[in-house]
Amino acid sequence: MDDADPQRPPSAWWAGMETNLVDCPECGLPATKRHDGRLPSTHGPVEHVHLRCVLGHRFYGPTDLLLHRHHRRGR
């Protein structure tokens, strides 16, 4: 598709894209999130994610723990 297409609205390239920004569990700054599927556990499959913040902090673990950890610490 040609980016200079006058028939295409300027914001059309955003269509269907999901924002993958979350708070970093360590510092609270923006971090990108990448879903990495489900891994087995003793209580059934658990969804896991990779996070990487703008300062370089990296995390890999269960979605429930990483995406809510910052708020649980009271910041």
N, C-alpha and C. Protein backbone atom coordinates (compact mmCIF):
# COMPACT_ATOMS: atom_id res chain seq x y z
N MET A 1 0.85 -1.17 0.00
CA MET A 1 0.00 0.00 0.00
C MET A 1 0.89 1.24 0.00
N ASP A 2 0.56 2.22 -0.80
CA ASP A 2 1.33 3.45 -0.92
C ASP A 2 0.99 4.41 0.21
N ASP A 3 2.02 4.85 0.96
CA ASP A 3 1.78 5.76 2.08
C ASP A 3 1.30 7.13 1.63
N ALA A 4 1.56 7.49 0.39
CA ALA A 4 1.17 8.81 -0.12
C ALA A 4 -0.20 8.77 -0.79
N ASP A 5 -0.97 7.75 -0.60
CA ASP A 5 -2.28 7.60 -1.21
C ASP A 5 -3.22 8.70 -0.71
N PRO A 6 -3.67 9.62 -1.59
CA PRO A 6 -4.53 10.72 -1.15
C PRO A 6 -5.93 10.25 -0.74
N GLN A 7 -6.33 9.04 -1.13
CA GLN A 7 -7.64 8.51 -0.77
C GLN A 7 -7.68 7.94 0.64
N ARG A 8 -6.51 7.69 1.20
CA ARG A 8 -6.42 7.07 2.52
C ARG A 8 -6.30 8.15 3.59
N PRO A 9 -7.16 8.11 4.61
CA PRO A 9 -7.04 9.10 5.69
C PRO A 9 -5.67 8.98 6.39
N PRO A 10 -5.12 10.08 6.89
CA PRO A 10 -3.79 10.06 7.52
C PRO A 10 -3.69 9.12 8.71
N SER A 11 -4.77 8.90 9.43
CA SER A 11 -4.71 8.05 10.62
C SER A 11 -5.04 6.59 10.33
N ALA A 12 -5.23 6.22 9.08
CA ALA A 12 -5.65 4.85 8.74
C ALA A 12 -4.63 3.80 9.15
N TRP A 13 -3.36 4.15 9.22
CA TRP A 13 -2.35 3.15 9.59
C TRP A 13 -2.50 2.72 11.04
N TRP A 14 -3.21 3.49 11.88
CA TRP A 14 -3.45 3.11 13.27
C TRP A 14 -4.55 2.07 13.40
N ALA A 15 -5.38 1.94 12.38
CA ALA A 15 -6.53 1.03 12.46
C ALA A 15 -6.08 -0.39 12.80
N GLY A 16 -6.69 -0.96 13.81
CA GLY A 16 -6.40 -2.34 14.19
C GLY A 16 -5.17 -2.52 15.07
N MET A 17 -4.45 -1.43 15.37
CA MET A 17 -3.26 -1.56 16.22
C MET A 17 -3.66 -1.45 17.69
N GLU A 18 -3.04 -2.24 18.52
CA GLU A 18 -3.30 -2.21 19.95
C GLU A 18 -2.14 -1.53 20.65
N THR A 19 -2.42 -0.62 21.55
CA THR A 19 -1.37 0.02 22.32
C THR A 19 -0.89 -0.96 23.37
N ASN A 20 0.40 -1.18 23.42
CA ASN A 20 0.97 -2.13 24.36
C ASN A 20 1.85 -1.43 25.38
N LEU A 21 1.38 -0.31 25.91
CA LEU A 21 2.13 0.41 26.93
C LEU A 21 1.47 0.19 28.29
N VAL A 22 2.30 -0.12 29.28
CA VAL A 22 1.84 -0.32 30.66
C VAL A 22 2.86 0.35 31.58
N ASP A 23 2.56 0.41 32.86
CA ASP A 23 3.51 0.93 33.84
C ASP A 23 4.56 -0.12 34.15
N CYS A 24 5.81 0.31 34.24
CA CYS A 24 6.90 -0.59 34.65
C CYS A 24 6.69 -0.96 36.12
N PRO A 25 6.77 -2.24 36.49
CA PRO A 25 6.60 -2.64 37.88
C PRO A 25 7.69 -2.07 38.80
N GLU A 26 8.85 -1.73 38.26
CA GLU A 26 9.97 -1.24 39.06
C GLU A 26 9.90 0.27 39.29
N CYS A 27 9.71 1.05 38.21
CA CYS A 27 9.82 2.50 38.33
C CYS A 27 8.55 3.26 37.97
N GLY A 28 7.56 2.60 37.38
CA GLY A 28 6.32 3.26 37.02
C GLY A 28 6.34 4.00 35.70
N LEU A 29 7.48 4.04 35.01
CA LEU A 29 7.56 4.69 33.70
C LEU A 29 6.95 3.78 32.63
N PRO A 30 6.71 4.31 31.42
CA PRO A 30 6.11 3.49 30.36
C PRO A 30 6.97 2.27 30.00
N ALA A 31 6.29 1.18 29.79
CA ALA A 31 6.94 -0.07 29.39
C ALA A 31 6.12 -0.70 28.27
N THR A 32 6.79 -1.36 27.34
CA THR A 32 6.08 -2.08 26.30
C THR A 32 5.76 -3.48 26.81
N LYS A 33 4.64 -3.99 26.34
CA LYS A 33 4.15 -5.30 26.78
C LYS A 33 4.04 -6.20 25.57
N ARG A 34 4.54 -7.42 25.69
CA ARG A 34 4.39 -8.41 24.63
C ARG A 34 3.87 -9.70 25.25
N HIS A 35 2.70 -10.12 24.80
CA HIS A 35 2.14 -11.37 25.31
C HIS A 35 2.98 -12.53 24.81
N ASP A 36 3.21 -13.49 25.68
CA ASP A 36 4.06 -14.62 25.32
C ASP A 36 3.35 -15.95 25.49
N GLY A 37 2.04 -15.90 25.50
CA GLY A 37 1.29 -17.15 25.56
C GLY A 37 1.04 -17.64 26.97
N ARG A 38 0.69 -18.91 27.06
CA ARG A 38 0.38 -19.52 28.35
C ARG A 38 1.38 -20.63 28.65
N LEU A 39 1.76 -20.71 29.91
CA LEU A 39 2.65 -21.76 30.37
C LEU A 39 1.91 -22.60 31.41
N PRO A 40 2.24 -23.89 31.47
CA PRO A 40 1.55 -24.74 32.43
C PRO A 40 1.94 -24.42 33.87
N SER A 41 1.00 -24.64 34.78
CA SER A 41 1.28 -24.51 36.21
C SER A 41 0.48 -25.59 36.94
N THR A 42 0.66 -25.67 38.24
CA THR A 42 -0.06 -26.69 39.00
C THR A 42 -1.56 -26.42 39.06
N HIS A 43 -1.97 -25.16 38.80
CA HIS A 43 -3.38 -24.80 38.81
C HIS A 43 -3.92 -24.53 37.42
N GLY A 44 -3.25 -25.04 36.39
CA GLY A 44 -3.68 -24.83 35.01
C GLY A 44 -2.81 -23.78 34.31
N PRO A 45 -3.06 -23.56 33.02
CA PRO A 45 -2.24 -22.63 32.24
C PRO A 45 -2.31 -21.19 32.78
N VAL A 46 -1.15 -20.50 32.74
CA VAL A 46 -1.04 -19.13 33.21
C VAL A 46 -0.49 -18.26 32.09
N GLU A 47 -1.17 -17.16 31.78
CA GLU A 47 -0.72 -16.24 30.73
C GLU A 47 0.52 -15.49 31.21
N HIS A 48 1.54 -15.42 30.32
CA HIS A 48 2.79 -14.73 30.64
C HIS A 48 3.05 -13.59 29.66
N VAL A 49 3.79 -12.57 30.12
CA VAL A 49 4.16 -11.43 29.28
C VAL A 49 5.62 -11.06 29.47
N HIS A 50 6.16 -10.37 28.46
CA HIS A 50 7.48 -9.73 28.53
C HIS A 50 7.22 -8.24 28.66
N LEU A 51 7.90 -7.57 29.59
CA LEU A 51 7.82 -6.12 29.73
C LEU A 51 9.22 -5.54 29.60
N ARG A 52 9.31 -4.36 28.96
CA ARG A 52 10.59 -3.65 28.87
C ARG A 52 10.29 -2.16 28.97
N CYS A 53 10.86 -1.50 29.98
CA CYS A 53 10.56 -0.09 30.18
C CYS A 53 11.60 0.80 29.51
N VAL A 54 11.30 2.11 29.50
CA VAL A 54 12.17 3.08 28.82
C VAL A 54 13.54 3.19 29.49
N LEU A 55 13.66 2.79 30.76
CA LEU A 55 14.96 2.80 31.44
C LEU A 55 15.73 1.50 31.27
N GLY A 56 15.09 0.52 30.61
CA GLY A 56 15.77 -0.75 30.35
C GLY A 56 15.40 -1.88 31.29
N HIS A 57 14.53 -1.63 32.28
CA HIS A 57 14.09 -2.73 33.15
C HIS A 57 13.36 -3.76 32.30
N ARG A 58 13.63 -5.02 32.55
CA ARG A 58 12.98 -6.11 31.81
C ARG A 58 12.39 -7.11 32.80
N PHE A 59 11.20 -7.57 32.45
CA PHE A 59 10.50 -8.54 33.28
C PHE A 59 9.86 -9.59 32.40
N TYR A 60 9.78 -10.80 32.92
CA TYR A 60 9.06 -11.88 32.26
C TYR A 60 8.34 -12.65 33.35
N GLY A 61 7.05 -12.80 33.21
CA GLY A 61 6.32 -13.55 34.23
C GLY A 61 4.84 -13.52 34.01
N PRO A 62 4.09 -14.00 35.01
CA PRO A 62 2.64 -14.06 34.90
C PRO A 62 2.03 -12.67 34.72
N THR A 63 1.09 -12.56 33.80
CA THR A 63 0.43 -11.30 33.51
C THR A 63 -0.19 -10.69 34.76
N ASP A 64 -0.90 -11.49 35.55
CA ASP A 64 -1.57 -10.98 36.74
C ASP A 64 -0.61 -10.30 37.71
N LEU A 65 0.57 -10.84 37.88
CA LEU A 65 1.53 -10.26 38.82
C LEU A 65 2.23 -9.02 38.26
N LEU A 66 2.66 -9.09 37.01
CA LEU A 66 3.45 -7.99 36.46
C LEU A 66 2.63 -6.75 36.13
N LEU A 67 1.42 -6.92 35.66
CA LEU A 67 0.64 -5.76 35.24
C LEU A 67 -0.07 -5.07 36.40
N HIS A 68 -0.08 -5.66 37.58
CA HIS A 68 -0.76 -5.05 38.72
C HIS A 68 0.19 -4.80 39.88
N ARG A 69 1.42 -5.20 39.78
CA ARG A 69 2.40 -5.09 40.86
C ARG A 69 2.65 -3.64 41.26
N HIS A 70 2.78 -2.75 40.30
CA HIS A 70 3.07 -1.34 40.57
C HIS A 70 1.98 -0.71 41.42
N HIS A 71 0.73 -1.01 41.10
CA HIS A 71 -0.38 -0.42 41.84
C HIS A 71 -0.51 -1.02 43.24
N ARG A 72 -0.14 -2.27 43.42
CA ARG A 72 -0.23 -2.92 44.72
C ARG A 72 0.76 -2.32 45.71
N ARG A 73 1.88 -1.79 45.19
CA ARG A 73 2.90 -1.23 46.09
C ARG A 73 2.51 0.15 46.57
N GLY A 74 1.35 0.65 46.14
CA GLY A 74 0.84 1.91 46.66
C GLY A 74 1.42 3.15 46.01
N ARG A 75 1.99 3.04 44.84
CA ARG A 75 2.54 4.22 44.17
C ARG A 75 1.52 4.87 43.30
